[in-house]
Amino acid sequence: MNIRLKPEIQKYVKKKVRSGQYASPEEAVNTLLAHACRQEELTAEDKEELAAEIDLGISQADRGQFTKFTAEQIIAQRHKSRSAPKKAR
């Protein structure tokens, strides 16, 4: 399948690849579209669970229970988890 992306979308994809978040434009587009698909599939129960987790995180932060981190650390951790071997079930 060949598609033509709008210039602003092309710029966004290139930015994500340059930042190291994705290895290639194909990976970026596939991952971002998969994420969009999952968001569309969220049930009311999923949304309630997410809201509860967010509320918990806000409460913990209000009490000073949080860890400082940078975006680079999160990206590195995500890359590490992606490259880790999958566990057999």
Protein backbone atom coordinates (compact mmCIF):
# COMPACT_ATOMS: atom_id res chain seq x y z
CA MET A 1 0.00 0.00 0.00
CA ASN A 2 1.33 3.40 -0.91
CA ILE A 3 -0.07 6.48 0.76
CA ARG A 4 0.70 10.17 0.53
CA LEU A 5 1.12 11.94 3.86
CA LYS A 6 0.39 15.62 4.34
CA PRO A 7 3.59 17.69 4.69
CA GLU A 8 2.93 18.40 8.38
CA ILE A 9 2.50 14.66 9.05
CA GLN A 10 5.71 13.89 7.17
CA LYS A 11 7.50 16.48 9.29
CA TYR A 12 6.10 14.92 12.48
CA VAL A 13 7.19 11.42 11.45
CA LYS A 14 10.69 12.63 10.52
CA LYS A 15 10.95 14.41 13.88
CA LYS A 16 10.04 11.21 15.74
CA VAL A 17 12.66 9.22 13.80
CA ARG A 18 15.36 11.89 14.27
CA SER A 19 14.67 11.93 18.02
CA GLY A 20 15.47 8.22 18.15
CA GLN A 21 12.00 7.30 19.31
CA TYR A 22 11.55 5.17 16.17
CA ALA A 23 14.12 3.48 13.95
CA SER A 24 12.38 4.27 10.68
CA PRO A 25 9.41 6.15 9.23
CA GLU A 26 7.66 2.81 8.72
CA GLU A 27 8.05 1.90 12.39
CA ALA A 28 6.80 5.33 13.44
CA VAL A 29 3.71 5.24 11.23
CA ASN A 30 2.86 1.64 12.14
CA THR A 31 3.29 2.24 15.86
CA LEU A 32 1.39 5.51 15.88
CA LEU A 33 -1.50 4.05 13.87
CA ALA A 34 -1.63 0.99 16.12
CA HIS A 35 -1.84 3.34 19.10
CA ALA A 36 -4.70 5.24 17.45
CA CYS A 37 -6.52 1.95 16.83
CA ARG A 38 -6.14 0.90 20.48
CA GLN A 39 -7.47 4.27 21.63
CA GLU A 40 -10.57 3.80 19.50
CA GLU A 41 -11.10 0.40 21.11
CA LEU A 42 -11.07 1.59 24.72
CA THR A 43 -14.19 0.50 26.55
CA ALA A 44 -15.94 2.49 29.26
CA GLU A 45 -14.36 0.11 31.78
CA ASP A 46 -10.90 0.78 30.31
CA LYS A 47 -11.47 4.52 30.58
CA GLU A 48 -12.63 4.20 34.20
CA GLU A 49 -9.53 2.15 35.04
CA LEU A 50 -7.26 4.70 33.38
CA ALA A 51 -9.00 7.55 35.22
CA ALA A 52 -8.50 5.71 38.53
CA GLU A 53 -4.79 5.19 37.78
CA ILE A 54 -4.41 8.87 36.89
CA ASP A 55 -6.20 9.90 40.10
CA LEU A 56 -3.89 7.63 42.08
CA GLY A 57 -0.83 9.15 40.41
CA ILE A 58 -2.03 12.68 41.11
CA SER A 59 -2.68 11.81 44.75
CA GLN A 60 0.79 10.30 45.07
CA ALA A 61 2.38 13.35 43.48
CA ASP A 62 0.43 15.64 45.81
CA ARG A 63 1.96 13.70 48.73
CA GLY A 64 5.43 14.02 47.22
CA GLN A 65 5.58 10.34 46.27
CA PHE A 66 7.12 10.55 42.83
CA THR A 67 10.35 9.96 40.99
CA LYS A 68 12.02 12.57 38.84
CA PHE A 69 12.83 11.48 35.30
CA THR A 70 13.46 12.88 31.85
CA ALA A 71 11.79 12.14 28.54
CA GLU A 72 15.08 10.64 27.37
CA GLN A 73 15.02 8.15 30.24
CA ILE A 74 11.48 7.08 29.36
CA ILE A 75 12.38 6.67 25.68
CA ALA A 76 15.48 4.64 26.56
CA GLN A 77 13.45 2.42 28.89
CA ARG A 78 10.84 1.86 26.17
CA HIS A 79 13.53 0.94 23.62
CA LYS A 80 15.07 -1.44 26.15
CA SER A 81 11.72 -3.14 26.83
CA ARG A 82 11.05 -3.46 23.09
CA SER A 83 14.38 -5.18 22.50
CA ALA A 84 14.03 -7.53 25.49
CA PRO A 85 13.15 -11.14 24.58
CA LYS A 86 9.46 -11.97 24.97
CA LYS A 87 8.64 -14.33 27.84
CA ALA A 88 6.91 -17.59 26.93
CA ARG A 89 3.48 -18.08 28.46
